[in-house]
Amino acid sequence: MRKNQEITQFQEKPIVRSLNMPELIKDFLAAQDVRPISKEVYRKGMERFFTWIASNEIQQPDRKAILRFKTFLIELRLAANTVNSYLVAVKRFFAYLEGSRLYPDIAKGVKGVKQPKTHLREALTISQVKEMLNIIDVSTIQGKRDFAMINLMARTGLRTIEIIRADVEDIRQQGGEALLFVQGKGRDSKDEFVILMDAALKPIRRYIRCRKGTTQKMPLFTSLSDRNKGKRLTTKTVRESVKNYLRKINIDDSRLCAHSLRHFFATQALKAGSDLLQVKDAMRHASIETTQKYIHNLERIEKGAERHIDF
């Protein structure tokens, strides 16, 4: 009974005016026993939430406000993972406030959005990947870089974030094989790897040989712009580079992009006979269910009931 009375007392305090939000968010993040990357996601989620309540002049948010914020995120057409990460941040924050007897947990029980059953991006075909690689002018250092980078993504399924995090020294020999150690999505260290077959490794070596003063500590793929020459690429640069080459082969589809090279890798590996666990390990998926989406799509297309209808 006393706890309910205390919650009622602080429930009447307008959160925006009565609490020092920057300091409170800082304390909240410090109290979370999660990886630094997760804390950064929480921070972005809180910034998004408090920007939203400020723009809507909400001084005392309640459960309805949380649900309105959820609707706002959905209407922005953000990916389900992004919406859910913002909601998790808000839910943990208000649970923290209630635990500190500062504000009731108004986000308790608010559900996330459902993940799509299929991928939001399509896989490129073999002919499309070949055509894209064939139009790259490898007589220039930019062409050598772009060919090595796009070819690597297609042959290993690397994400754009893994591409830009890679350093020259991350290419290592183990058991007679060349491996590229990567810092995967949500990881703090380079504790996973992809296998570099000759078709993936040789273009990388040709590109590196053309770079002047390259050291082991330097990024594997570097910028050529005057402003950032020699520095690490951004994910935006990688995505735009792939998009530009796709447009050059007359492909301008929002569902075909840099991430489509990752889907290409998984699809082709499964078609060639790799089993589900092998593809899961190569894709560095946290859950086998994520990898199973590829199997489902392939089987759905190849064994669809529609193929039995003939009249």
C-alpha atoms as a PDB file:
ATOM      1  CA  MET A   1       0.000   0.000   0.000  1.00  0.00           C
ATOM      2  CA  ARG A   2       2.786   2.418   0.875  1.00  0.00           C
ATOM      3  CA  LYS A   3       4.546   1.765  -2.458  1.00  0.00           C
ATOM      4  CA  ASN A   4       1.339   2.594  -4.354  1.00  0.00           C
ATOM      5  CA  GLN A   5       1.031   5.839  -2.395  1.00  0.00           C
ATOM      6  CA  GLU A   6       4.612   6.790  -3.231  1.00  0.00           C
ATOM      7  CA  ILE A   7       4.006   6.068  -6.939  1.00  0.00           C
ATOM      8  CA  THR A   8       0.867   8.190  -6.834  1.00  0.00           C
ATOM      9  CA  GLN A   9       2.891  11.049  -5.337  1.00  0.00           C
ATOM     10  CA  PHE A  10       5.560  11.111  -8.024  1.00  0.00           C
ATOM     11  CA  GLN A  11       3.006  10.326 -10.744  1.00  0.00           C
ATOM     12  CA  GLU A  12       1.798  13.907 -10.446  1.00  0.00           C
ATOM     13  CA  LYS A  13       5.189  15.420 -11.249  1.00  0.00           C
ATOM     14  CA  PRO A  14       5.611  16.678 -14.828  1.00  0.00           C
ATOM     15  CA  ILE A  15       8.657  14.677 -15.923  1.00  0.00           C
ATOM     16  CA  VAL A  16      10.055  17.282 -18.322  1.00  0.00           C
ATOM     17  CA  ARG A  17      10.038  20.180 -15.859  1.00  0.00           C
ATOM     18  CA  SER A  18      10.737  18.460 -12.557  1.00  0.00           C
ATOM     19  CA  LEU A  19      13.596  16.144 -13.535  1.00  0.00           C
ATOM     20  CA  ASN A  20      17.060  16.893 -14.912  1.00  0.00           C
ATOM     21  CA  MET A  21      16.680  14.675 -17.962  1.00  0.00           C
ATOM     22  CA  PRO A  22      20.266  14.811 -19.368  1.00  0.00           C
ATOM     23  CA  GLU A  23      21.694  13.777 -16.001  1.00  0.00           C
ATOM     24  CA  LEU A  24      18.981  11.198 -15.477  1.00  0.00           C
ATOM     25  CA  ILE A  25      19.608   9.588 -18.868  1.00  0.00           C
ATOM     26  CA  LYS A  26      23.328   9.578 -18.103  1.00  0.00           C
ATOM     27  CA  ASP A  27      22.675   7.808 -14.779  1.00  0.00           C
ATOM     28  CA  PHE A  28      20.276   5.388 -16.476  1.00  0.00           C
ATOM     29  CA  LEU A  29      22.868   4.397 -19.101  1.00  0.00           C
ATOM     30  CA  ALA A  30      25.557   3.988 -16.438  1.00  0.00           C
ATOM     31  CA  ALA A  31      23.270   1.591 -14.556  1.00  0.00           C
ATOM     32  CA  GLN A  32      22.729  -0.710 -17.564  1.00  0.00           C
ATOM     33  CA  ASP A  33      24.835  -3.870 -17.564  1.00  0.00           C
ATOM     34  CA  VAL A  34      25.034  -4.132 -21.362  1.00  0.00           C
ATOM     35  CA  ARG A  35      27.666  -3.726 -24.070  1.00  0.00           C
ATOM     36  CA  PRO A  36      28.745  -0.185 -25.063  1.00  0.00           C
ATOM     37  CA  ILE A  37      27.051  -0.659 -28.438  1.00  0.00           C
ATOM     38  CA  SER A  38      23.753  -1.426 -26.696  1.00  0.00           C
ATOM     39  CA  LYS A  39      24.146   1.646 -24.485  1.00  0.00           C
ATOM     40  CA  GLU A  40      24.567   3.750 -27.616  1.00  0.00           C
ATOM     41  CA  VAL A  41      21.331   2.280 -29.002  1.00  0.00           C
ATOM     42  CA  TYR A  42      19.565   3.126 -25.718  1.00  0.00           C
ATOM     43  CA  ARG A  43      20.933   6.665 -25.854  1.00  0.00           C
ATOM     44  CA  LYS A  44      19.632   7.177 -29.391  1.00  0.00           C
ATOM     45  CA  GLY A  45      16.273   5.756 -28.380  1.00  0.00           C
ATOM     46  CA  MET A  46      15.969   8.162 -25.461  1.00  0.00           C
ATOM     47  CA  GLU A  47      16.995  11.118 -27.624  1.00  0.00           C
ATOM     48  CA  ARG A  48      14.327  10.179 -30.147  1.00  0.00           C
ATOM     49  CA  PHE A  49      11.679   9.832 -27.440  1.00  0.00           C
ATOM     50  CA  PHE A  50      12.406  13.117 -25.672  1.00  0.00           C
ATOM     51  CA  THR A  51      12.636  14.998 -28.963  1.00  0.00           C
ATOM     52  CA  TRP A  52       9.202  13.627 -29.780  1.00  0.00           C
ATOM     53  CA  ILE A  53       7.577  14.525 -26.450  1.00  0.00           C
ATOM     54  CA  ALA A  54       9.109  18.024 -26.643  1.00  0.00           C
ATOM     55  CA  SER A  55       7.722  18.575 -30.153  1.00  0.00           C
ATOM     56  CA  ASN A  56       4.302  17.444 -28.909  1.00  0.00           C
ATOM     57  CA  GLU A  57       4.557  19.601 -25.763  1.00  0.00           C
ATOM     58  CA  ILE A  58       4.017  16.622 -23.465  1.00  0.00           C
ATOM     59  CA  GLN A  59       5.028  17.503 -19.908  1.00  0.00           C
ATOM     60  CA  GLN A  60       3.676  14.429 -18.130  1.00  0.00           C
ATOM     61  CA  PRO A  61       3.820  11.351 -20.407  1.00  0.00           C
ATOM     62  CA  ASP A  62       1.490   8.457 -19.654  1.00  0.00           C
ATOM     63  CA  ARG A  63       0.869   5.057 -21.228  1.00  0.00           C
ATOM     64  CA  LYS A  64      -1.131   6.643 -24.050  1.00  0.00           C
ATOM     65  CA  ALA A  65       1.905   8.799 -24.880  1.00  0.00           C
ATOM     66  CA  ILE A  66       4.099   5.703 -25.139  1.00  0.00           C
ATOM     67  CA  LEU A  67       1.614   4.104 -27.527  1.00  0.00           C
ATOM     68  CA  ARG A  68       1.465   7.318 -29.574  1.00  0.00           C
ATOM     69  CA  PHE A  69       5.262   7.324 -29.748  1.00  0.00           C
ATOM     70  CA  LYS A  70       5.164   3.722 -30.978  1.00  0.00           C
ATOM     71  CA  THR A  71       2.687   4.712 -33.693  1.00  0.00           C
ATOM     72  CA  PHE A  72       4.918   7.651 -34.628  1.00  0.00           C
ATOM     73  CA  LEU A  73       7.903   5.320 -35.123  1.00  0.00           C
ATOM     74  CA  ILE A  74       5.856   2.914 -37.229  1.00  0.00           C
ATOM     75  CA  GLU A  75       4.571   5.746 -39.422  1.00  0.00           C
ATOM     76  CA  LEU A  76       8.172   6.793 -40.086  1.00  0.00           C
ATOM     77  CA  ARG A  77       8.458   3.421 -41.856  1.00  0.00           C
ATOM     78  CA  LEU A  78      11.492   2.480 -39.792  1.00  0.00           C
ATOM     79  CA  ALA A  79      12.658  -1.136 -39.811  1.00  0.00           C
ATOM     80  CA  ALA A  80      10.984  -3.337 -37.191  1.00  0.00           C
ATOM     81  CA  ASN A  81      14.339  -3.868 -35.459  1.00  0.00           C
ATOM     82  CA  THR A  82      14.861  -0.099 -35.179  1.00  0.00           C
ATOM     83  CA  VAL A  83      11.367   0.524 -33.791  1.00  0.00           C
ATOM     84  CA  ASN A  84      11.793  -2.259 -31.246  1.00  0.00           C
ATOM     85  CA  SER A  85      15.240  -1.037 -30.157  1.00  0.00           C
ATOM     86  CA  TYR A  86      13.796   2.448 -29.453  1.00  0.00           C
ATOM     87  CA  LEU A  87      10.880   0.926 -27.542  1.00  0.00           C
ATOM     88  CA  VAL A  88      13.218  -1.267 -25.477  1.00  0.00           C
ATOM     89  CA  ALA A  89      15.202   1.844 -24.527  1.00  0.00           C
ATOM     90  CA  VAL A  90      12.055   3.680 -23.420  1.00  0.00           C
ATOM     91  CA  LYS A  91      10.724   0.655 -21.521  1.00  0.00           C
ATOM     92  CA  ARG A  92      14.003   0.145 -19.655  1.00  0.00           C
ATOM     93  CA  PHE A  93      14.211   3.852 -18.872  1.00  0.00           C
ATOM     94  CA  PHE A  94      10.787   4.026 -17.234  1.00  0.00           C
ATOM     95  CA  ALA A  95      11.412   0.764 -15.372  1.00  0.00           C
ATOM     96  CA  TYR A  96      14.601   2.417 -14.069  1.00  0.00           C
ATOM     97  CA  LEU A  97      12.636   5.542 -13.040  1.00  0.00           C
ATOM     98  CA  GLU A  98      10.089   3.500 -11.120  1.00  0.00           C
ATOM     99  CA  GLY A  99      12.845   1.522  -9.432  1.00  0.00           C
ATOM    100  CA  SER A 100      14.374   4.856  -8.385  1.00  0.00           C
ATOM    101  CA  ARG A 101      10.938   6.092  -7.184  1.00  0.00           C
ATOM    102  CA  LEU A 102      11.026   9.007  -9.589  1.00  0.00           C
ATOM    103  CA  TYR A 103       8.214   8.183 -12.013  1.00  0.00           C
ATOM    104  CA  PRO A 104       5.827   5.261 -12.613  1.00  0.00           C
ATOM    105  CA  ASP A 105       6.643   2.632 -15.205  1.00  0.00           C
ATOM    106  CA  ILE A 106       4.170   3.815 -17.842  1.00  0.00           C
ATOM    107  CA  ALA A 107       5.793   1.678 -20.569  1.00  0.00           C
ATOM    108  CA  LYS A 108       5.321  -1.640 -18.779  1.00  0.00           C
ATOM    109  CA  GLY A 109       3.666  -4.212 -21.029  1.00  0.00           C
ATOM    110  CA  VAL A 110       3.940  -2.168 -24.216  1.00  0.00           C
ATOM    111  CA  LYS A 111       4.624  -4.646 -27.015  1.00  0.00           C
ATOM    112  CA  GLY A 112       7.130  -4.310 -29.808  1.00  0.00           C
ATOM    113  CA  VAL A 113       6.203  -4.583 -33.467  1.00  0.00           C
ATOM    114  CA  LYS A 114       6.212  -7.905 -35.278  1.00  0.00           C
ATOM    115  CA  GLN A 115       9.204  -8.810 -37.377  1.00  0.00           C
ATOM    116  CA  PRO A 116       8.440  -9.351 -41.082  1.00  0.00           C
ATOM    117  CA  LYS A 117       8.357 -13.004 -42.136  1.00  0.00           C
ATOM    118  CA  THR A 118      10.433 -12.254 -45.200  1.00  0.00           C
ATOM    119  CA  HIS A 119      13.407  -9.987 -45.847  1.00  0.00           C
ATOM    120  CA  LEU A 120      12.848  -6.348 -46.729  1.00  0.00           C
ATOM    121  CA  ARG A 121      15.603  -6.577 -49.341  1.00  0.00           C
ATOM    122  CA  GLU A 122      15.808  -8.897 -52.329  1.00  0.00           C
ATOM    123  CA  ALA A 123      18.784 -10.994 -53.379  1.00  0.00           C
ATOM    124  CA  LEU A 124      20.664 -10.113 -56.538  1.00  0.00           C
ATOM    125  CA  THR A 125      21.025 -12.792 -59.184  1.00  0.00           C
ATOM    126  CA  ILE A 126      24.334 -14.251 -60.388  1.00  0.00           C
ATOM    127  CA  SER A 127      23.982 -12.477 -63.738  1.00  0.00           C
ATOM    128  CA  GLN A 128      23.331  -9.136 -62.008  1.00  0.00           C
ATOM    129  CA  VAL A 129      26.379  -9.481 -59.751  1.00  0.00           C
ATOM    130  CA  LYS A 130      28.582 -10.482 -62.692  1.00  0.00           C
ATOM    131  CA  GLU A 131      27.306  -7.590 -64.802  1.00  0.00           C
ATOM    132  CA  MET A 132      27.900  -5.114 -61.996  1.00  0.00           C
ATOM    133  CA  LEU A 133      31.474  -6.329 -61.435  1.00  0.00           C
ATOM    134  CA  ASN A 134      32.202  -6.350 -65.172  1.00  0.00           C
ATOM    135  CA  ILE A 135      31.426  -2.646 -65.609  1.00  0.00           C
ATOM    136  CA  ILE A 136      33.857  -1.535 -62.883  1.00  0.00           C
ATOM    137  CA  ASP A 137      36.949   0.106 -64.372  1.00  0.00           C
ATOM    138  CA  VAL A 138      39.725  -1.730 -62.547  1.00  0.00           C
ATOM    139  CA  SER A 139      42.448   0.312 -64.273  1.00  0.00           C
ATOM    140  CA  THR A 140      41.914   3.014 -61.599  1.00  0.00           C
ATOM    141  CA  ILE A 141      42.568   2.735 -57.875  1.00  0.00           C
ATOM    142  CA  GLN A 142      38.912   3.533 -57.183  1.00  0.00           C
ATOM    143  CA  GLY A 143      37.866   0.777 -59.538  1.00  0.00           C
ATOM    144  CA  LYS A 144      40.240  -1.680 -57.869  1.00  0.00           C
ATOM    145  CA  ARG A 145      38.847  -0.712 -54.465  1.00  0.00           C
ATOM    146  CA  ASP A 146      35.205  -0.931 -55.512  1.00  0.00           C
ATOM    147  CA  PHE A 147      35.686  -4.246 -57.320  1.00  0.00           C
ATOM    148  CA  ALA A 148      37.520  -5.779 -54.337  1.00  0.00           C
ATOM    149  CA  MET A 149      34.888  -4.479 -51.909  1.00  0.00           C
ATOM    150  CA  ILE A 150      31.753  -5.483 -53.838  1.00  0.00           C
ATOM    151  CA  ASN A 151      33.264  -8.808 -54.861  1.00  0.00           C
ATOM    152  CA  LEU A 152      34.114  -9.481 -51.191  1.00  0.00           C
ATOM    153  CA  MET A 153      30.555  -8.701 -50.069  1.00  0.00           C
ATOM    154  CA  ALA A 154      29.093 -11.035 -52.682  1.00  0.00           C
ATOM    155  CA  ARG A 155      31.477 -13.900 -51.859  1.00  0.00           C
ATOM    156  CA  THR A 156      31.304 -13.680 -48.052  1.00  0.00           C
ATOM    157  CA  GLY A 157      28.009 -11.983 -47.161  1.00  0.00           C
ATOM    158  CA  LEU A 158      29.686  -9.187 -45.179  1.00  0.00           C
ATOM    159  CA  ARG A 159      27.504  -6.369 -43.908  1.00  0.00           C
ATOM    160  CA  THR A 160      28.414  -2.767 -44.787  1.00  0.00           C
ATOM    161  CA  ILE A 161      29.315  -2.102 -41.130  1.00  0.00           C
ATOM    162  CA  GLU A 162      31.698  -5.081 -41.217  1.00  0.00           C
ATOM    163  CA  ILE A 163      33.271  -3.798 -44.429  1.00  0.00           C
ATOM    164  CA  ILE A 164      34.100  -0.377 -43.001  1.00  0.00           C
ATOM    165  CA  ARG A 165      35.378  -1.781 -39.689  1.00  0.00           C
ATOM    166  CA  ALA A 166      37.851  -4.114 -41.400  1.00  0.00           C
ATOM    167  CA  ASP A 167      41.580  -3.328 -41.188  1.00  0.00           C
ATOM    168  CA  VAL A 168      44.453  -4.680 -43.282  1.00  0.00           C
ATOM    169  CA  GLU A 169      45.760  -6.644 -40.290  1.00  0.00           C
ATOM    170  CA  ASP A 170      42.443  -8.482 -39.968  1.00  0.00           C
ATOM    171  CA  ILE A 171      43.450 -10.714 -42.883  1.00  0.00           C
ATOM    172  CA  ARG A 172      45.244 -13.651 -41.280  1.00  0.00           C
ATOM    173  CA  GLN A 173      46.349 -17.168 -42.142  1.00  0.00           C
ATOM    174  CA  GLN A 174      45.026 -20.064 -40.083  1.00  0.00           C
ATOM    175  CA  GLY A 175      45.201 -23.727 -40.989  1.00  0.00           C
ATOM    176  CA  GLY A 176      46.554 -22.820 -44.391  1.00  0.00           C
ATOM    177  CA  GLU A 177      43.529 -20.684 -45.214  1.00  0.00           C
ATOM    178  CA  ALA A 178      43.168 -16.909 -45.485  1.00  0.00           C
ATOM    179  CA  LEU A 179      40.577 -15.525 -43.084  1.00  0.00           C
ATOM    180  CA  LEU A 180      39.191 -12.039 -42.559  1.00  0.00           C
ATOM    181  CA  PHE A 181      38.277 -11.391 -38.925  1.00  0.00           C
ATOM    182  CA  VAL A 182      35.294  -9.082 -38.606  1.00  0.00           C
ATOM    183  CA  GLN A 183      33.541  -7.043 -35.948  1.00  0.00           C
ATOM    184  CA  GLY A 184      29.972  -8.090 -36.528  1.00  0.00           C
ATOM    185  CA  LYS A 185      26.687  -6.398 -35.800  1.00  0.00           C
ATOM    186  CA  GLY A 186      26.309  -5.719 -32.072  1.00  0.00           C
ATOM    187  CA  ARG A 187      29.858  -6.936 -31.358  1.00  0.00           C
ATOM    188  CA  ASP A 188      32.603  -5.166 -29.414  1.00  0.00           C
ATOM    189  CA  SER A 189      35.525  -7.109 -30.877  1.00  0.00           C
ATOM    190  CA  LYS A 190      36.637  -8.887 -34.033  1.00  0.00           C
ATOM    191  CA  ASP A 191      35.867 -12.385 -32.840  1.00  0.00           C
ATOM    192  CA  GLU A 192      34.239 -13.807 -35.970  1.00  0.00           C
ATOM    193  CA  PHE A 193      35.643 -14.472 -39.418  1.00  0.00           C
ATOM    194  CA  VAL A 194      34.851 -15.186 -43.044  1.00  0.00           C
ATOM    195  CA  ILE A 195      36.921 -17.445 -45.284  1.00  0.00           C
ATOM    196  CA  LEU A 196      38.712 -15.669 -48.133  1.00  0.00           C
ATOM    197  CA  MET A 197      38.839 -17.941 -51.150  1.00  0.00           C
ATOM    198  CA  ASP A 198      41.303 -16.886 -53.883  1.00  0.00           C
ATOM    199  CA  ALA A 199      38.539 -15.224 -55.914  1.00  0.00           C
ATOM    200  CA  ALA A 200      37.885 -12.898 -52.974  1.00  0.00           C
ATOM    201  CA  LEU A 201      41.472 -12.469 -51.772  1.00  0.00           C
ATOM    202  CA  LYS A 202      43.302 -11.689 -55.033  1.00  0.00           C
ATOM    203  CA  PRO A 203      41.332  -8.495 -55.878  1.00  0.00           C
ATOM    204  CA  ILE A 204      41.966  -7.238 -52.324  1.00  0.00           C
ATOM    205  CA  ARG A 205      45.713  -7.801 -52.693  1.00  0.00           C
ATOM    206  CA  ARG A 206      45.747  -6.029 -56.089  1.00  0.00           C
ATOM    207  CA  TYR A 207      43.965  -3.059 -54.546  1.00  0.00           C
ATOM    208  CA  ILE A 208      46.284  -2.866 -51.513  1.00  0.00           C
ATOM    209  CA  ARG A 209      49.395  -3.014 -53.725  1.00  0.00           C
ATOM    210  CA  CYS A 210      48.211   0.160 -55.486  1.00  0.00           C
ATOM    211  CA  ARG A 211      47.901   2.108 -52.236  1.00  0.00           C
ATOM    212  CA  LYS A 212      50.922   4.092 -51.149  1.00  0.00           C
ATOM    213  CA  GLY A 213      52.211   3.767 -47.597  1.00  0.00           C
ATOM    214  CA  THR A 214      49.670   1.166 -46.534  1.00  0.00           C
ATOM    215  CA  THR A 215      50.302  -0.264 -43.066  1.00  0.00           C
ATOM    216  CA  GLN A 216      48.723  -3.190 -41.241  1.00  0.00           C
ATOM    217  CA  LYS A 217      46.845  -0.834 -38.916  1.00  0.00           C
ATOM    218  CA  MET A 218      45.100   1.029 -41.744  1.00  0.00           C
ATOM    219  CA  PRO A 219      41.484   0.400 -42.821  1.00  0.00           C
ATOM    220  CA  LEU A 220      41.133  -2.307 -45.453  1.00  0.00           C
ATOM    221  CA  PHE A 221      39.098   0.033 -47.670  1.00  0.00           C
ATOM    222  CA  THR A 222      39.858   3.757 -47.595  1.00  0.00           C
ATOM    223  CA  SER A 223      38.340   6.959 -48.911  1.00  0.00           C
ATOM    224  CA  LEU A 224      39.743   8.651 -52.013  1.00  0.00           C
ATOM    225  CA  SER A 225      38.050  12.011 -51.498  1.00  0.00           C
ATOM    226  CA  ASP A 226      40.249  15.074 -50.915  1.00  0.00           C
ATOM    227  CA  ARG A 227      38.635  15.676 -47.547  1.00  0.00           C
ATOM    228  CA  ASN A 228      38.969  12.142 -46.123  1.00  0.00           C
ATOM    229  CA  LYS A 229      41.706  10.591 -48.241  1.00  0.00           C
ATOM    230  CA  GLY A 230      43.173   7.513 -46.596  1.00  0.00           C
ATOM    231  CA  LYS A 231      40.528   7.442 -43.883  1.00  0.00           C
ATOM    232  CA  ARG A 232      37.935   4.771 -43.201  1.00  0.00           C
ATOM    233  CA  LEU A 233      34.910   4.628 -45.495  1.00  0.00           C
ATOM    234  CA  THR A 234      31.416   5.227 -44.115  1.00  0.00           C
ATOM    235  CA  THR A 235      28.492   2.845 -44.510  1.00  0.00           C
ATOM    236  CA  LYS A 236      26.794   5.562 -46.553  1.00  0.00           C
ATOM    237  CA  THR A 237      29.695   5.588 -49.026  1.00  0.00           C
ATOM    238  CA  VAL A 238      29.576   1.802 -49.394  1.00  0.00           C
ATOM    239  CA  ARG A 239      25.804   1.802 -49.922  1.00  0.00           C
ATOM    240  CA  GLU A 240      25.959   4.638 -52.446  1.00  0.00           C
ATOM    241  CA  SER A 241      28.802   2.970 -54.334  1.00  0.00           C
ATOM    242  CA  VAL A 242      26.800  -0.243 -54.777  1.00  0.00           C
ATOM    243  CA  LYS A 243      23.696   1.734 -55.757  1.00  0.00           C
ATOM    244  CA  ASN A 244      25.631   3.683 -58.397  1.00  0.00           C
ATOM    245  CA  TYR A 245      26.900   0.492 -60.043  1.00  0.00           C
ATOM    246  CA  LEU A 246      23.421  -1.022 -59.944  1.00  0.00           C
ATOM    247  CA  ARG A 247      22.043   2.036 -61.711  1.00  0.00           C
ATOM    248  CA  LYS A 248      24.751   1.714 -64.359  1.00  0.00           C
ATOM    249  CA  ILE A 249      23.332  -1.703 -65.246  1.00  0.00           C
ATOM    250  CA  ASN A 250      19.810  -0.231 -65.278  1.00  0.00           C
ATOM    251  CA  ILE A 251      18.717  -1.487 -61.866  1.00  0.00           C
ATOM    252  CA  ASP A 252      17.059   1.193 -59.757  1.00  0.00           C
ATOM    253  CA  ASP A 253      14.920  -0.666 -57.236  1.00  0.00           C
ATOM    254  CA  SER A 254      14.637   0.248 -53.547  1.00  0.00           C
ATOM    255  CA  ARG A 255      14.637  -3.464 -52.662  1.00  0.00           C
ATOM    256  CA  LEU A 256      17.988  -4.035 -54.384  1.00  0.00           C
ATOM    257  CA  CYS A 257      20.937  -2.437 -52.625  1.00  0.00           C
ATOM    258  CA  ALA A 258      24.235  -3.191 -50.867  1.00  0.00           C
ATOM    259  CA  HIS A 259      22.453  -5.535 -48.443  1.00  0.00           C
ATOM    260  CA  SER A 260      21.214  -7.512 -51.465  1.00  0.00           C
ATOM    261  CA  LEU A 261      24.793  -8.783 -51.863  1.00  0.00           C
ATOM    262  CA  ARG A 262      24.469 -10.389 -48.429  1.00  0.00           C
ATOM    263  CA  HIS A 263      21.203 -12.029 -49.461  1.00  0.00           C
ATOM    264  CA  PHE A 264      22.871 -13.121 -52.703  1.00  0.00           C
ATOM    265  CA  PHE A 265      25.586 -14.912 -50.735  1.00  0.00           C
ATOM    266  CA  ALA A 266      23.124 -16.772 -48.495  1.00  0.00           C
ATOM    267  CA  THR A 267      20.827 -17.738 -51.340  1.00  0.00           C
ATOM    268  CA  GLN A 268      23.635 -19.010 -53.572  1.00  0.00           C
ATOM    269  CA  ALA A 269      25.289 -20.916 -50.712  1.00  0.00           C
ATOM    270  CA  LEU A 270      22.030 -22.732 -49.934  1.00  0.00           C
ATOM    271  CA  LYS A 271      21.366 -23.446 -53.606  1.00  0.00           C
ATOM    272  CA  ALA A 272      24.872 -24.896 -53.938  1.00  0.00           C
ATOM    273  CA  GLY A 273      24.271 -27.361 -51.109  1.00  0.00           C
ATOM    274  CA  SER A 274      25.484 -25.649 -47.926  1.00  0.00           C
ATOM    275  CA  ASP A 275      23.403 -26.721 -44.946  1.00  0.00           C
ATOM    276  CA  LEU A 276      21.546 -24.315 -42.695  1.00  0.00           C
ATOM    277  CA  LEU A 277      24.109 -24.322 -39.875  1.00  0.00           C
ATOM    278  CA  GLN A 278      26.980 -23.658 -42.290  1.00  0.00           C
ATOM    279  CA  VAL A 279      25.156 -20.642 -43.710  1.00  0.00           C
ATOM    280  CA  LYS A 280      24.188 -19.437 -40.204  1.00  0.00           C
ATOM    281  CA  ASP A 281      27.862 -19.479 -39.174  1.00  0.00           C
ATOM    282  CA  ALA A 282      29.010 -17.775 -42.356  1.00  0.00           C
ATOM    283  CA  MET A 283      26.325 -15.070 -42.031  1.00  0.00           C
ATOM    284  CA  ARG A 284      27.090 -14.652 -38.320  1.00  0.00           C
ATOM    285  CA  HIS A 285      23.410 -14.810 -37.429  1.00  0.00           C
ATOM    286  CA  ALA A 286      22.590 -14.843 -33.728  1.00  0.00           C
ATOM    287  CA  SER A 287      19.561 -17.070 -34.330  1.00  0.00           C
ATOM    288  CA  ILE A 288      18.965 -19.979 -36.686  1.00  0.00           C
ATOM    289  CA  GLU A 289      15.453 -18.588 -37.262  1.00  0.00           C
ATOM    290  CA  THR A 290      16.965 -15.653 -39.168  1.00  0.00           C
ATOM    291  CA  THR A 291      18.790 -18.041 -41.500  1.00  0.00           C
ATOM    292  CA  GLN A 292      15.673 -20.163 -41.964  1.00  0.00           C
ATOM    293  CA  LYS A 293      13.977 -17.273 -43.753  1.00  0.00           C
ATOM    294  CA  TYR A 294      16.245 -17.938 -46.716  1.00  0.00           C
ATOM    295  CA  ILE A 295      15.324 -21.637 -46.781  1.00  0.00           C
ATOM    296  CA  HIS A 296      11.618 -20.808 -46.536  1.00  0.00           C
ATOM    297  CA  ASN A 297      11.786 -18.386 -49.457  1.00  0.00           C
ATOM    298  CA  LEU A 298      13.718 -20.812 -51.660  1.00  0.00           C
ATOM    299  CA  GLU A 299      11.401 -23.728 -50.902  1.00  0.00           C
ATOM    300  CA  ARG A 300       8.327 -21.554 -51.306  1.00  0.00           C
ATOM    301  CA  ILE A 301       9.447 -20.510 -54.790  1.00  0.00           C
ATOM    302  CA  GLU A 302      10.728 -23.909 -55.932  1.00  0.00           C
ATOM    303  CA  LYS A 303       7.872 -26.019 -54.506  1.00  0.00           C
ATOM    304  CA  GLY A 304       5.007 -23.537 -54.625  1.00  0.00           C
ATOM    305  CA  ALA A 305       1.505 -24.996 -54.862  1.00  0.00           C
ATOM    306  CA  GLU A 306       0.835 -22.610 -57.732  1.00  0.00           C
ATOM    307  CA  ARG A 307       3.051 -24.787 -59.960  1.00  0.00           C
ATOM    308  CA  HIS A 308       0.451 -27.575 -59.801  1.00  0.00           C
ATOM    309  CA  ILE A 309      -2.302 -25.449 -61.297  1.00  0.00           C
ATOM    310  CA  ASP A 310      -2.574 -25.905 -65.052  1.00  0.00           C
ATOM    311  CA  PHE A 311      -5.690 -25.196 -67.088  1.00  0.00           C
END
